[in-house]
């Protein structure tokens, strides 16, 4: 059991070295680019909005 624990500790130390190297290179600090989606707007939203119009649109979508 002691040998298995030592092997596990050695494996974890190796992984830690890899993670430290990755952080040092900035690999984990970079963020992926966000993609902007162009979604066509409903004709109902091209005019002034009101709560009742939004409710009507949502109700129509549920039907």
PDB file of N, CA and C in Angstrom:
ATOM      1  N   UNK A   1       0.815  -1.193   0.000  1.00  0.00           N
ATOM      2  CA  UNK A   1       0.000   0.000   0.000  1.00  0.00           C
ATOM      3  C   UNK A   1       0.861   1.261   0.000  1.00  0.00           C
ATOM      4  N   UNK A   2       1.965   1.243   0.710  1.00  0.00           N
ATOM      5  CA  UNK A   2       2.858   2.399   0.764  1.00  0.00           C
ATOM      6  C   UNK A   2       3.463   2.641  -0.613  1.00  0.00           C
ATOM      7  N   UNK A   3       3.799   1.585  -1.313  1.00  0.00           N
ATOM      8  CA  UNK A   3       4.382   1.715  -2.644  1.00  0.00           C
ATOM      9  C   UNK A   3       3.362   2.337  -3.602  1.00  0.00           C
ATOM     10  N   UNK A   4       2.116   1.923  -3.493  1.00  0.00           N
ATOM     11  CA  UNK A   4       1.067   2.468  -4.358  1.00  0.00           C
ATOM     12  C   UNK A   4       0.862   3.958  -4.092  1.00  0.00           C
ATOM     13  N   UNK A   5       0.928   4.349  -2.816  1.00  0.00           N
ATOM     14  CA  UNK A   5       0.793   5.767  -2.484  1.00  0.00           C
ATOM     15  C   UNK A   5       1.963   6.576  -3.021  1.00  0.00           C
ATOM     16  N   UNK A   6       3.162   6.046  -2.948  1.00  0.00           N
ATOM     17  CA  UNK A   6       4.333   6.745  -3.472  1.00  0.00           C
ATOM     18  C   UNK A   6       4.228   6.900  -4.983  1.00  0.00           C
ATOM     19  N   UNK A   7       3.754   5.864  -5.653  1.00  0.00           N
ATOM     20  CA  UNK A   7       3.584   5.950  -7.105  1.00  0.00           C
ATOM     21  C   UNK A   7       2.529   7.001  -7.457  1.00  0.00           C
ATOM     22  N   UNK A   8       1.473   7.049  -6.687  1.00  0.00           N
ATOM     23  CA  UNK A   8       0.423   8.047  -6.916  1.00  0.00           C
ATOM     24  C   UNK A   8       0.965   9.455  -6.700  1.00  0.00           C
ATOM     25  N   UNK A   9       1.754   9.642  -5.663  1.00  0.00           N
ATOM     26  CA  UNK A   9       2.362  10.943  -5.382  1.00  0.00           C
ATOM     27  C   UNK A   9       3.289  11.346  -6.523  1.00  0.00           C
ATOM     28  N   UNK A  10       4.078  10.415  -7.027  1.00  0.00           N
ATOM     29  CA  UNK A  10       4.974  10.714  -8.138  1.00  0.00           C
ATOM     30  C   UNK A  10       4.187  11.123  -9.389  1.00  0.00           C
ATOM     31  N   UNK A  11       3.101  10.427  -9.653  1.00  0.00           N
ATOM     32  CA  UNK A  11       2.255  10.758 -10.805  1.00  0.00           C
ATOM     33  C   UNK A  11       1.661  12.150 -10.648  1.00  0.00           C
ATOM     34  N   UNK A  12       1.195  12.476  -9.448  1.00  0.00           N
ATOM     35  CA  UNK A  12       0.624  13.793  -9.200  1.00  0.00           C
ATOM     36  C   UNK A  12       1.669  14.897  -9.332  1.00  0.00           C
ATOM     37  N   UNK A  13       2.893  14.616  -8.916  1.00  0.00           N
ATOM     38  CA  UNK A  13       3.970  15.602  -9.068  1.00  0.00           C
ATOM     39  C   UNK A  13       4.266  15.855 -10.540  1.00  0.00           C
ATOM     40  N   UNK A  14       4.244  14.790 -11.353  1.00  0.00           N
ATOM     41  CA  UNK A  14       4.476  14.959 -12.785  1.00  0.00           C
ATOM     42  C   UNK A  14       3.363  15.797 -13.417  1.00  0.00           C
ATOM     43  N   UNK A  15       2.112  15.521 -13.023  1.00  0.00           N
ATOM     44  CA  UNK A  15       0.993  16.297 -13.546  1.00  0.00           C
ATOM     45  C   UNK A  15       1.100  17.758 -13.121  1.00  0.00           C
ATOM     46  N   UNK A  16       1.511  17.989 -11.894  1.00  0.00           N
ATOM     47  CA  UNK A  16       1.654  19.350 -11.392  1.00  0.00           C
ATOM     48  C   UNK A  16       2.693  20.124 -12.205  1.00  0.00           C
ATOM     49  N   UNK A  17       3.778  19.468 -12.560  1.00  0.00           N
ATOM     50  CA  UNK A  17       4.804  20.124 -13.381  1.00  0.00           C
ATOM     51  C   UNK A  17       4.235  20.522 -14.741  1.00  0.00           C
ATOM     52  N   UNK A  18       3.432  19.642 -15.315  1.00  0.00           N
ATOM     53  CA  UNK A  18       2.818  19.938 -16.614  1.00  0.00           C
ATOM     54  C   UNK A  18       1.879  21.132 -16.491  1.00  0.00           C
ATOM     55  N   UNK A  19       1.055  21.146 -15.437  1.00  0.00           N
ATOM     56  CA  UNK A  19       0.117  22.247 -15.249  1.00  0.00           C
ATOM     57  C   UNK A  19       0.837  23.563 -14.994  1.00  0.00           C
ATOM     58  N   UNK A  20       1.908  23.525 -14.228  1.00  0.00           N
ATOM     59  CA  UNK A  20       2.681  24.741 -13.969  1.00  0.00           C
ATOM     60  C   UNK A  20       3.284  25.264 -15.259  1.00  0.00           C
ATOM     61  N   UNK A  21       3.782  24.373 -16.097  1.00  0.00           N
ATOM     62  CA  UNK A  21       4.349  24.797 -17.375  1.00  0.00           C
ATOM     63  C   UNK A  21       3.270  25.406 -18.264  1.00  0.00           C
ATOM     64  N   UNK A  22       2.076  24.830 -18.255  1.00  0.00           N
ATOM     65  CA  UNK A  22       0.982  25.351 -19.073  1.00  0.00           C
ATOM     66  C   UNK A  22       0.562  26.739 -18.600  1.00  0.00           C
ATOM     67  N   UNK A  23       0.495  26.941 -17.299  1.00  0.00           N
ATOM     68  CA  UNK A  23       0.127  28.246 -16.766  1.00  0.00           C
ATOM     69  C   UNK A  23       1.224  29.257 -17.071  1.00  0.00           C
ATOM     70  N   UNK A  24       2.454  28.842 -16.974  1.00  0.00           N
ATOM     71  CA  UNK A  24       3.573  29.729 -17.272  1.00  0.00           C
ATOM     72  C   UNK A  24       3.592  30.179 -18.723  1.00  0.00           C
ATOM     73  N   UNK A  25       3.118  29.335 -19.626  1.00  0.00           N
ATOM     74  CA  UNK A  25       3.067  29.677 -21.045  1.00  0.00           C
ATOM     75  C   UNK A  25       1.817  30.464 -21.395  1.00  0.00           C
ATOM     76  N   UNK A  26       0.909  30.613 -20.462  1.00  0.00           N
ATOM     77  CA  UNK A  26      -0.319  31.343 -20.715  1.00  0.00           C
ATOM     78  C   UNK A  26      -1.369  30.525 -21.432  1.00  0.00           C
ATOM     79  N   UNK A  27      -1.200  29.231 -21.510  1.00  0.00           N
ATOM     80  CA  UNK A  27      -2.163  28.402 -22.227  1.00  0.00           C
ATOM     81  C   UNK A  27      -3.505  28.362 -21.515  1.00  0.00           C
ATOM     82  N   UNK A  28      -3.506  28.346 -20.209  1.00  0.00           N
ATOM     83  CA  UNK A  28      -4.761  28.241 -19.470  1.00  0.00           C
ATOM     84  C   UNK A  28      -5.398  29.605 -19.236  1.00  0.00           C
ATOM     85  N   UNK A  29      -4.658  30.668 -19.447  1.00  0.00           N
ATOM     86  CA  UNK A  29      -5.182  31.997 -19.195  1.00  0.00           C
ATOM     87  C   UNK A  29      -5.931  32.569 -20.391  1.00  0.00           C
ATOM     88  N   UNK A  30      -5.728  32.020 -21.559  1.00  0.00           N
ATOM     89  CA  UNK A  30      -6.381  32.567 -22.745  1.00  0.00           C
ATOM     90  C   UNK A  30      -7.837  32.132 -22.799  1.00  0.00           C
ATOM     91  N   UNK A  31      -8.682  33.024 -23.294  1.00  0.00           N
ATOM     92  CA  UNK A  31     -10.105  32.740 -23.415  1.00  0.00           C
ATOM     93  C   UNK A  31     -10.427  32.527 -24.890  1.00  0.00           C
ATOM     94  N   UNK A  32     -11.292  31.597 -25.181  1.00  0.00           N
ATOM     95  CA  UNK A  32     -11.692  31.423 -26.574  1.00  0.00           C
ATOM     96  C   UNK A  32     -12.509  32.620 -27.039  1.00  0.00           C
ATOM     97  N   UNK A  33     -12.421  32.935 -28.328  1.00  0.00           N
ATOM     98  CA  UNK A  33     -13.174  34.057 -28.882  1.00  0.00           C
ATOM     99  C   UNK A  33     -14.659  33.737 -28.856  1.00  0.00           C
ATOM    100  N   UNK A  34     -15.426  34.743 -28.511  1.00  0.00           N
ATOM    101  CA  UNK A  34     -16.866  34.577 -28.527  1.00  0.00           C
ATOM    102  C   UNK A  34     -17.371  34.860 -29.931  1.00  0.00           C
ATOM    103  N   UNK A  35     -18.247  34.025 -30.401  1.00  0.00           N
ATOM    104  CA  UNK A  35     -18.804  34.211 -31.720  1.00  0.00           C
ATOM    105  C   UNK A  35     -20.075  35.047 -31.617  1.00  0.00           C
ATOM    106  N   UNK A  36     -20.186  36.003 -32.514  1.00  0.00           N
ATOM    107  CA  UNK A  36     -21.376  36.836 -32.544  1.00  0.00           C
ATOM    108  C   UNK A  36     -22.347  36.242 -33.548  1.00  0.00           C
ATOM    109  N   UNK A  37     -23.548  36.030 -33.091  1.00  0.00           N
ATOM    110  CA  UNK A  37     -24.563  35.441 -33.958  1.00  0.00           C
ATOM    111  C   UNK A  37     -25.514  36.536 -34.426  1.00  0.00           C
ATOM    112  N   UNK A  38     -25.814  36.548 -35.704  1.00  0.00           N
ATOM    113  CA  UNK A  38     -26.772  37.485 -36.258  1.00  0.00           C
ATOM    114  C   UNK A  38     -28.099  36.765 -36.386  1.00  0.00           C
ATOM    115  N   UNK A  39     -28.988  37.054 -35.450  1.00  0.00           N
ATOM    116  CA  UNK A  39     -30.284  36.389 -35.419  1.00  0.00           C
ATOM    117  C   UNK A  39     -31.323  37.352 -35.980  1.00  0.00           C
ATOM    118  N   UNK A  40     -32.074  36.923 -36.974  1.00  0.00           N
ATOM    119  CA  UNK A  40     -33.099  37.821 -37.517  1.00  0.00           C
ATOM    120  C   UNK A  40     -34.158  38.130 -36.461  1.00  0.00           C
ATOM    121  N   UNK A  41     -34.568  39.394 -36.403  1.00  0.00           N
ATOM    122  CA  UNK A  41     -35.554  39.808 -35.414  1.00  0.00           C
ATOM    123  C   UNK A  41     -36.954  39.630 -35.972  1.00  0.00           C
ATOM    124  N   UNK A  42     -37.852  39.345 -35.076  1.00  0.00           N
ATOM    125  CA  UNK A  42     -39.252  39.185 -35.439  1.00  0.00           C
ATOM    126  C   UNK A  42     -39.807  40.528 -35.912  1.00  0.00           C
ATOM    127  N   UNK A  43     -40.750  40.495 -36.842  1.00  0.00           N
ATOM    128  CA  UNK A  43     -41.354  41.726 -37.340  1.00  0.00           C
ATOM    129  C   UNK A  43     -42.041  42.491 -36.215  1.00  0.00           C
ATOM    130  N   UNK A  44     -42.516  41.783 -35.229  1.00  0.00           N
ATOM    131  CA  UNK A  44     -43.203  42.435 -34.120  1.00  0.00           C
ATOM    132  C   UNK A  44     -42.258  43.299 -33.297  1.00  0.00           C
ATOM    133  N   UNK A  45     -40.977  43.061 -33.362  1.00  0.00           N
ATOM    134  CA  UNK A  45     -40.021  43.825 -32.568  1.00  0.00           C
ATOM    135  C   UNK A  45     -39.407  44.986 -33.339  1.00  0.00           C
ATOM    136  N   UNK A  46     -39.865  45.263 -34.530  1.00  0.00           N
ATOM    137  CA  UNK A  46     -39.312  46.375 -35.290  1.00  0.00           C
ATOM    138  C   UNK A  46     -39.949  47.693 -34.896  1.00  0.00           C
ATOM    139  N   UNK A  47     -41.051  47.653 -34.188  1.00  0.00           N
ATOM    140  CA  UNK A  47     -41.721  48.870 -33.730  1.00  0.00           C
ATOM    141  C   UNK A  47     -41.509  49.012 -32.234  1.00  0.00           C
ATOM    142  N   UNK A  48     -42.144  50.025 -31.673  1.00  0.00           N
ATOM    143  CA  UNK A  48     -42.043  50.228 -30.230  1.00  0.00           C
ATOM    144  C   UNK A  48     -42.593  48.998 -29.511  1.00  0.00           C
ATOM    145  N   UNK A  49     -41.964  48.628 -28.434  1.00  0.00           N
ATOM    146  CA  UNK A  49     -42.347  47.419 -27.711  1.00  0.00           C
ATOM    147  C   UNK A  49     -43.220  47.763 -26.516  1.00  0.00           C
ATOM    148  N   UNK A  50     -44.132  46.888 -26.240  1.00  0.00           N
ATOM    149  CA  UNK A  50     -44.923  47.015 -25.019  1.00  0.00           C
ATOM    150  C   UNK A  50     -45.036  45.630 -24.397  1.00  0.00           C
ATOM    151  N   UNK A  51     -45.351  45.617 -23.132  1.00  0.00           N
ATOM    152  CA  UNK A  51     -45.430  44.343 -22.414  1.00  0.00           C
ATOM    153  C   UNK A  51     -46.520  43.458 -22.990  1.00  0.00           C
ATOM    154  N   UNK A  52     -47.619  44.041 -23.389  1.00  0.00           N
ATOM    155  CA  UNK A  52     -48.702  43.218 -23.921  1.00  0.00           C
ATOM    156  C   UNK A  52     -48.323  42.597 -25.264  1.00  0.00           C
ATOM    157  N   UNK A  53     -47.569  43.325 -26.094  1.00  0.00           N
ATOM    158  CA  UNK A  53     -47.119  42.764 -27.371  1.00  0.00           C
ATOM    159  C   UNK A  53     -46.181  41.583 -27.146  1.00  0.00           C
ATOM    160  N   UNK A  54     -45.278  41.728 -26.178  1.00  0.00           N
ATOM    161  CA  UNK A  54     -44.352  40.646 -25.865  1.00  0.00           C
ATOM    162  C   UNK A  54     -45.124  39.439 -25.356  1.00  0.00           C
ATOM    163  N   UNK A  55     -46.101  39.670 -24.494  1.00  0.00           N
ATOM    164  CA  UNK A  55     -46.930  38.564 -24.004  1.00  0.00           C
ATOM    165  C   UNK A  55     -47.650  37.862 -25.143  1.00  0.00           C
ATOM    166  N   UNK A  56     -48.168  38.651 -26.082  1.00  0.00           N
ATOM    167  CA  UNK A  56     -48.861  38.062 -27.234  1.00  0.00           C
ATOM    168  C   UNK A  56     -47.914  37.214 -28.084  1.00  0.00           C
ATOM    169  N   UNK A  57     -46.714  37.698 -28.291  1.00  0.00           N
ATOM    170  CA  UNK A  57     -45.734  36.942 -29.092  1.00  0.00           C
ATOM    171  C   UNK A  57     -45.369  35.650 -28.380  1.00  0.00           C
ATOM    172  N   UNK A  58     -45.109  35.730 -27.085  1.00  0.00           N
ATOM    173  CA  UNK A  58     -44.754  34.525 -26.330  1.00  0.00           C
ATOM    174  C   UNK A  58     -45.908  33.530 -26.315  1.00  0.00           C
ATOM    175  N   UNK A  59     -47.122  34.043 -26.189  1.00  0.00           N
ATOM    176  CA  UNK A  59     -48.280  33.161 -26.188  1.00  0.00           C
ATOM    177  C   UNK A  59     -48.412  32.467 -27.539  1.00  0.00           C
ATOM    178  N   UNK A  60     -48.183  33.218 -28.627  1.00  0.00           N
ATOM    179  CA  UNK A  60     -48.277  32.642 -29.963  1.00  0.00           C
ATOM    180  C   UNK A  60     -47.205  31.578 -30.189  1.00  0.00           C
ATOM    181  N   UNK A  61     -46.031  31.774 -29.604  1.00  0.00           N
ATOM    182  CA  UNK A  61     -44.951  30.798 -29.760  1.00  0.00           C
ATOM    183  C   UNK A  61     -45.279  29.511 -29.016  1.00  0.00           C
ATOM    184  N   UNK A  62     -46.005  29.612 -27.920  1.00  0.00           N
ATOM    185  CA  UNK A  62     -46.354  28.426 -27.133  1.00  0.00           C
ATOM    186  C   UNK A  62     -47.420  27.577 -27.808  1.00  0.00           C
ATOM    187  N   UNK A  63     -48.225  28.195 -28.657  1.00  0.00           N
ATOM    188  CA  UNK A  63     -49.348  27.496 -29.305  1.00  0.00           C
ATOM    189  C   UNK A  63     -48.874  26.566 -30.381  1.00  0.00           C
TER     190      UNK A  63
END
